[in-house]
Amino acid sequence: MTGAKRFEEALASGNTAIAISPNYPAPWINRGATLWYMGRFEQALGATAQAIALNPNSSQAWFNQGRILTTLGKFEDALSAYDRALLGDANVGYRLTLAQIWVNKSALLWRLEKNQEAVASADRAIGINPKSAEAWYNKALALMALNRYSDAVTAYEQASEIVPANADFWAGKGIALRFLEKYPEALVA
């Protein structure tokens, strides 16, 4: 339901699930995500904290906590939450969740200007899911910040092969080519 943006209905359904089984973390995780989508961040943190209390190894709960903390600008706390998510149950059969945790961590590291670490995190995501355009894009951004323009071009190209209609990928490639003084190529990127 959350994906359909039927937030109030999703909350009501989650509340019913919590009333039936208050010690089951999944409805708390879903409640936190729904509240986050609704912009009710403090309540979202409370719901994910409850999910974490019920299952401290829930990668999804820690991942959601990281996303909420990022939204609130609490970047170091978010980074800690992503690190904790990487130690949880995502390592057991949840490869796409694991890849997305690395993607979000790479974006946050780039934002914190920890660009070498951002590249390494993006590479971890790519190693798990090479079709993650977001991971390739995050890698390209960090490479640009490190003045590694040729490598950034390659990363932008990988991202644009996966999602050809994303203007940010093409614009980034053009900027990287401009820094490499490959002006004719930059014009057509």
C-alpha atoms as a PDB file:
ATOM      1  CA  MET A   1       0.000   0.000   0.000  1.00  0.00           C
ATOM      2  CA  THR A   2       2.811   2.400   0.772  1.00  0.00           C
ATOM      3  CA  GLY A   3       4.010   2.220  -2.828  1.00  0.00           C
ATOM      4  CA  ALA A   4       0.544   3.259  -3.945  1.00  0.00           C
ATOM      5  CA  LYS A   5       0.802   6.291  -1.637  1.00  0.00           C
ATOM      6  CA  ARG A   6      -2.269   5.238   0.280  1.00  0.00           C
ATOM      7  CA  PHE A   7      -0.499   6.292   3.427  1.00  0.00           C
ATOM      8  CA  GLU A   8      -3.369   6.601   5.879  1.00  0.00           C
ATOM      9  CA  GLU A   9      -4.722   3.224   4.817  1.00  0.00           C
ATOM     10  CA  ALA A  10      -1.237   1.740   5.138  1.00  0.00           C
ATOM     11  CA  LEU A  11      -0.920   3.159   8.657  1.00  0.00           C
ATOM     12  CA  ALA A  12      -4.312   1.772   9.669  1.00  0.00           C
ATOM     13  CA  SER A  13      -3.397  -1.647   8.305  1.00  0.00           C
ATOM     14  CA  GLY A  14      -0.051  -1.514  10.099  1.00  0.00           C
ATOM     15  CA  ASN A  15      -1.718  -0.522  13.354  1.00  0.00           C
ATOM     16  CA  THR A  16      -3.972  -3.563  13.062  1.00  0.00           C
ATOM     17  CA  ALA A  17      -0.945  -5.798  12.473  1.00  0.00           C
ATOM     18  CA  ILE A  18       0.825  -4.256  15.474  1.00  0.00           C
ATOM     19  CA  ALA A  19      -2.265  -4.770  17.658  1.00  0.00           C
ATOM     20  CA  ILE A  20      -2.403  -8.441  16.636  1.00  0.00           C
ATOM     21  CA  SER A  21       1.326  -9.089  17.014  1.00  0.00           C
ATOM     22  CA  PRO A  22       3.125  -6.209  18.762  1.00  0.00           C
ATOM     23  CA  ASN A  23       6.408  -8.125  19.002  1.00  0.00           C
ATOM     24  CA  TYR A  24       6.702  -8.728  15.265  1.00  0.00           C
ATOM     25  CA  PRO A  25       9.123  -6.170  13.732  1.00  0.00           C
ATOM     26  CA  ALA A  26       7.803  -6.100  10.132  1.00  0.00           C
ATOM     27  CA  PRO A  27       4.752  -3.878  10.781  1.00  0.00           C
ATOM     28  CA  TRP A  28       6.954  -1.493  12.771  1.00  0.00           C
ATOM     29  CA  ILE A  29       9.383  -1.336   9.835  1.00  0.00           C
ATOM     30  CA  ASN A  30       6.511  -0.634   7.443  1.00  0.00           C
ATOM     31  CA  ARG A  31       5.039   1.956   9.801  1.00  0.00           C
ATOM     32  CA  GLY A  32       8.382   3.758   9.942  1.00  0.00           C
ATOM     33  CA  ALA A  33       8.702   3.787   6.155  1.00  0.00           C
ATOM     34  CA  THR A  34       5.134   5.034   5.722  1.00  0.00           C
ATOM     35  CA  LEU A  35       5.604   7.809   8.265  1.00  0.00           C
ATOM     36  CA  TRP A  36       8.860   8.794   6.542  1.00  0.00           C
ATOM     37  CA  TYR A  37       7.069   9.051   3.190  1.00  0.00           C
ATOM     38  CA  MET A  38       4.446  11.199   4.912  1.00  0.00           C
ATOM     39  CA  GLY A  39       7.109  13.558   6.290  1.00  0.00           C
ATOM     40  CA  ARG A  40       6.439  12.583   9.908  1.00  0.00           C
ATOM     41  CA  PHE A  41      10.089  11.975  10.634  1.00  0.00           C
ATOM     42  CA  GLU A  42      10.195  11.864  14.431  1.00  0.00           C
ATOM     43  CA  GLN A  43       7.356   9.336  14.495  1.00  0.00           C
ATOM     44  CA  ALA A  44       9.146   7.377  11.775  1.00  0.00           C
ATOM     45  CA  LEU A  45      12.279   7.250  13.924  1.00  0.00           C
ATOM     46  CA  GLY A  46      10.222   5.950  16.831  1.00  0.00           C
ATOM     47  CA  ALA A  47       8.707   3.181  14.714  1.00  0.00           C
ATOM     48  CA  THR A  48      12.070   2.071  13.338  1.00  0.00           C
ATOM     49  CA  ALA A  49      13.558   2.207  16.837  1.00  0.00           C
ATOM     50  CA  GLN A  50      10.794  -0.156  17.976  1.00  0.00           C
ATOM     51  CA  ALA A  51      11.556  -2.509  15.057  1.00  0.00           C
ATOM     52  CA  ILE A  52      15.251  -2.422  15.981  1.00  0.00           C
ATOM     53  CA  ALA A  53      14.426  -3.146  19.630  1.00  0.00           C
ATOM     54  CA  LEU A  54      12.426  -6.189  18.507  1.00  0.00           C
ATOM     55  CA  ASN A  55      15.083  -7.382  16.045  1.00  0.00           C
ATOM     56  CA  PRO A  56      18.498  -5.718  16.384  1.00  0.00           C
ATOM     57  CA  ASN A  57      19.719  -7.663  13.319  1.00  0.00           C
ATOM     58  CA  SER A  58      17.064  -6.258  10.979  1.00  0.00           C
ATOM     59  CA  SER A  59      18.984  -4.676   8.133  1.00  0.00           C
ATOM     60  CA  GLN A  60      15.767  -3.167   6.771  1.00  0.00           C
ATOM     61  CA  ALA A  61      15.013  -1.418  10.072  1.00  0.00           C
ATOM     62  CA  TRP A  62      18.549  -0.015  10.325  1.00  0.00           C
ATOM     63  CA  PHE A  63      18.451   0.960   6.632  1.00  0.00           C
ATOM     64  CA  ASN A  64      15.186   2.842   7.133  1.00  0.00           C
ATOM     65  CA  GLN A  65      16.657   4.489  10.228  1.00  0.00           C
ATOM     66  CA  GLY A  66      19.581   5.654   8.081  1.00  0.00           C
ATOM     67  CA  ARG A  67      17.265   7.078   5.427  1.00  0.00           C
ATOM     68  CA  ILE A  68      15.216   8.961   8.002  1.00  0.00           C
ATOM     69  CA  LEU A  69      18.322  10.330   9.734  1.00  0.00           C
ATOM     70  CA  THR A  70      19.714  11.429   6.356  1.00  0.00           C
ATOM     71  CA  THR A  71      16.475  13.289   5.666  1.00  0.00           C
ATOM     72  CA  LEU A  72      16.833  15.012   9.043  1.00  0.00           C
ATOM     73  CA  GLY A  73      20.426  16.029   8.238  1.00  0.00           C
ATOM     74  CA  LYS A  74      21.877  13.794  10.969  1.00  0.00           C
ATOM     75  CA  PHE A  75      24.515  12.436   8.633  1.00  0.00           C
ATOM     76  CA  GLU A  76      26.957  10.835  11.064  1.00  0.00           C
ATOM     77  CA  ASP A  77      24.099   9.049  12.830  1.00  0.00           C
ATOM     78  CA  ALA A  78      22.785   7.946   9.436  1.00  0.00           C
ATOM     79  CA  LEU A  79      26.197   6.589   8.506  1.00  0.00           C
ATOM     80  CA  SER A  80      26.258   4.582  11.744  1.00  0.00           C
ATOM     81  CA  ALA A  81      22.792   3.217  10.953  1.00  0.00           C
ATOM     82  CA  TYR A  82      23.909   2.141   7.464  1.00  0.00           C
ATOM     83  CA  ASP A  83      26.986   0.472   8.944  1.00  0.00           C
ATOM     84  CA  ARG A  84      24.748  -1.395  11.385  1.00  0.00           C
ATOM     85  CA  ALA A  85      22.413  -2.381   8.526  1.00  0.00           C
ATOM     86  CA  LEU A  86      25.365  -3.931   6.716  1.00  0.00           C
ATOM     87  CA  LEU A  87      25.998  -6.189   9.719  1.00  0.00           C
ATOM     88  CA  GLY A  88      22.413  -7.421   9.880  1.00  0.00           C
ATOM     89  CA  ASP A  89      20.308  -9.989   8.116  1.00  0.00           C
ATOM     90  CA  ALA A  90      20.674  -8.443   4.638  1.00  0.00           C
ATOM     91  CA  ASN A  91      23.744 -10.617   4.294  1.00  0.00           C
ATOM     92  CA  VAL A  92      21.469 -13.670   4.316  1.00  0.00           C
ATOM     93  CA  GLY A  93      19.614 -13.757   1.029  1.00  0.00           C
ATOM     94  CA  TYR A  94      18.631 -10.109   0.667  1.00  0.00           C
ATOM     95  CA  ARG A  95      21.117  -9.080  -2.014  1.00  0.00           C
ATOM     96  CA  LEU A  96      19.119  -6.171  -3.455  1.00  0.00           C
ATOM     97  CA  THR A  97      18.555  -4.707   0.009  1.00  0.00           C
ATOM     98  CA  LEU A  98      22.252  -5.137   0.723  1.00  0.00           C
ATOM     99  CA  ALA A  99      23.147  -3.394  -2.537  1.00  0.00           C
ATOM    100  CA  GLN A 100      20.788  -0.510  -1.740  1.00  0.00           C
ATOM    101  CA  ILE A 101      22.369  -0.055   1.685  1.00  0.00           C
ATOM    102  CA  TRP A 102      25.772   0.312  -0.014  1.00  0.00           C
ATOM    103  CA  VAL A 103      24.220   2.729  -2.552  1.00  0.00           C
ATOM    104  CA  ASN A 104      22.802   4.943   0.179  1.00  0.00           C
ATOM    105  CA  LYS A 105      26.020   4.772   2.166  1.00  0.00           C
ATOM    106  CA  SER A 106      28.010   5.838  -0.908  1.00  0.00           C
ATOM    107  CA  ALA A 107      25.706   8.821  -1.472  1.00  0.00           C
ATOM    108  CA  LEU A 108      26.038   9.881   2.144  1.00  0.00           C
ATOM    109  CA  LEU A 109      29.826   9.512   2.109  1.00  0.00           C
ATOM    110  CA  TRP A 110      29.967  11.681  -1.026  1.00  0.00           C
ATOM    111  CA  ARG A 111      27.807  14.259   0.732  1.00  0.00           C
ATOM    112  CA  LEU A 112      30.251  14.188   3.664  1.00  0.00           C
ATOM    113  CA  GLU A 113      33.135  14.642   1.172  1.00  0.00           C
ATOM    114  CA  LYS A 114      34.572  11.232   2.025  1.00  0.00           C
ATOM    115  CA  ASN A 115      34.989  10.478  -1.639  1.00  0.00           C
ATOM    116  CA  GLN A 116      37.431   7.565  -1.528  1.00  0.00           C
ATOM    117  CA  GLU A 117      35.061   5.777   0.837  1.00  0.00           C
ATOM    118  CA  ALA A 118      32.123   6.745  -1.372  1.00  0.00           C
ATOM    119  CA  VAL A 119      33.785   5.108  -4.384  1.00  0.00           C
ATOM    120  CA  ALA A 120      34.515   1.978  -2.336  1.00  0.00           C
ATOM    121  CA  SER A 121      30.902   1.791  -1.137  1.00  0.00           C
ATOM    122  CA  ALA A 122      29.565   2.286  -4.659  1.00  0.00           C
ATOM    123  CA  ASP A 123      31.885  -0.480  -5.833  1.00  0.00           C
ATOM    124  CA  ARG A 124      30.463  -2.779  -3.159  1.00  0.00           C
ATOM    125  CA  ALA A 125      26.939  -2.019  -4.407  1.00  0.00           C
ATOM    126  CA  ILE A 126      28.000  -2.626  -8.010  1.00  0.00           C
ATOM    127  CA  GLY A 127      29.624  -5.907  -7.025  1.00  0.00           C
ATOM    128  CA  ILE A 128      26.277  -7.076  -5.646  1.00  0.00           C
ATOM    129  CA  ASN A 129      24.049  -5.505  -8.299  1.00  0.00           C
ATOM    130  CA  PRO A 130      25.909  -4.371 -11.427  1.00  0.00           C
ATOM    131  CA  LYS A 131      22.583  -3.131 -12.860  1.00  0.00           C
ATOM    132  CA  SER A 132      22.240  -0.431 -10.194  1.00  0.00           C
ATOM    133  CA  ALA A 133      22.354   2.812 -12.157  1.00  0.00           C
ATOM    134  CA  GLU A 134      22.244   4.692  -8.863  1.00  0.00           C
ATOM    135  CA  ALA A 135      25.436   2.962  -7.678  1.00  0.00           C
ATOM    136  CA  TRP A 136      27.244   3.826 -10.919  1.00  0.00           C
ATOM    137  CA  TYR A 137      26.019   7.425 -10.646  1.00  0.00           C
ATOM    138  CA  ASN A 138      27.174   7.735  -7.022  1.00  0.00           C
ATOM    139  CA  LYS A 139      30.538   6.356  -8.055  1.00  0.00           C
ATOM    140  CA  ALA A 140      30.756   8.911 -10.867  1.00  0.00           C
ATOM    141  CA  LEU A 141      29.966  11.793  -8.497  1.00  0.00           C
ATOM    142  CA  ALA A 142      32.673  10.718  -6.060  1.00  0.00           C
ATOM    143  CA  LEU A 143      35.172  10.215  -8.889  1.00  0.00           C
ATOM    144  CA  MET A 144      34.409  13.732 -10.132  1.00  0.00           C
ATOM    145  CA  ALA A 145      35.118  15.089  -6.646  1.00  0.00           C
ATOM    146  CA  LEU A 146      38.446  13.236  -6.734  1.00  0.00           C
ATOM    147  CA  ASN A 147      39.271  14.782 -10.146  1.00  0.00           C
ATOM    148  CA  ARG A 148      39.288  11.308 -11.699  1.00  0.00           C
ATOM    149  CA  TYR A 149      37.386  12.466 -14.754  1.00  0.00           C
ATOM    150  CA  SER A 150      38.212   9.611 -17.101  1.00  0.00           C
ATOM    151  CA  ASP A 151      36.981   7.078 -14.555  1.00  0.00           C
ATOM    152  CA  ALA A 152      33.908   9.236 -13.963  1.00  0.00           C
ATOM    153  CA  VAL A 153      33.100   9.152 -17.694  1.00  0.00           C
ATOM    154  CA  THR A 154      33.165   5.357 -17.558  1.00  0.00           C
ATOM    155  CA  ALA A 155      30.871   5.305 -14.516  1.00  0.00           C
ATOM    156  CA  TYR A 156      28.439   7.762 -16.133  1.00  0.00           C
ATOM    157  CA  GLU A 157      28.416   5.594 -19.265  1.00  0.00           C
ATOM    158  CA  GLN A 158      27.574   2.523 -17.202  1.00  0.00           C
ATOM    159  CA  ALA A 159      24.726   4.369 -15.485  1.00  0.00           C
ATOM    160  CA  SER A 160      23.345   5.665 -18.789  1.00  0.00           C
ATOM    161  CA  GLU A 161      23.459   2.189 -20.344  1.00  0.00           C
ATOM    162  CA  ILE A 162      21.181   0.982 -17.549  1.00  0.00           C
ATOM    163  CA  VAL A 163      18.856   4.009 -17.569  1.00  0.00           C
ATOM    164  CA  PRO A 164      19.332   5.827 -20.886  1.00  0.00           C
ATOM    165  CA  ALA A 165      16.663   8.459 -20.228  1.00  0.00           C
ATOM    166  CA  ASN A 166      18.311  10.012 -17.154  1.00  0.00           C
ATOM    167  CA  ALA A 167      19.519  13.511 -18.005  1.00  0.00           C
ATOM    168  CA  ASP A 168      21.775  13.705 -14.925  1.00  0.00           C
ATOM    169  CA  PHE A 169      23.878  10.810 -16.207  1.00  0.00           C
ATOM    170  CA  TRP A 170      24.387  12.427 -19.608  1.00  0.00           C
ATOM    171  CA  ALA A 171      25.019  15.890 -18.150  1.00  0.00           C
ATOM    172  CA  GLY A 172      27.575  14.474 -15.715  1.00  0.00           C
ATOM    173  CA  LYS A 173      29.358  12.691 -18.528  1.00  0.00           C
ATOM    174  CA  GLY A 174      29.453  15.943 -20.502  1.00  0.00           C
ATOM    175  CA  ILE A 175      30.949  17.823 -17.564  1.00  0.00           C
ATOM    176  CA  ALA A 176      33.590  15.128 -17.036  1.00  0.00           C
ATOM    177  CA  LEU A 177      34.481  15.243 -20.733  1.00  0.00           C
ATOM    178  CA  ARG A 178      34.769  19.022 -20.520  1.00  0.00           C
ATOM    179  CA  PHE A 179      37.265  18.673 -17.666  1.00  0.00           C
ATOM    180  CA  LEU A 180      39.196  16.249 -19.872  1.00  0.00           C
ATOM    181  CA  GLU A 181      39.104  18.938 -22.584  1.00  0.00           C
ATOM    182  CA  LYS A 182      37.288  16.577 -24.931  1.00  0.00           C
ATOM    183  CA  TYR A 183      35.019  19.344 -26.131  1.00  0.00           C
ATOM    184  CA  PRO A 184      33.522  17.720 -29.244  1.00  0.00           C
ATOM    185  CA  GLU A 185      32.566  14.626 -27.219  1.00  0.00           C
ATOM    186  CA  ALA A 186      31.225  16.805 -24.407  1.00  0.00           C
ATOM    187  CA  LEU A 187      28.909  18.589 -26.815  1.00  0.00           C
ATOM    188  CA  VAL A 188      27.214  15.363 -27.876  1.00  0.00           C
ATOM    189  CA  ALA A 189      27.109  13.801 -24.410  1.00  0.00           C
END
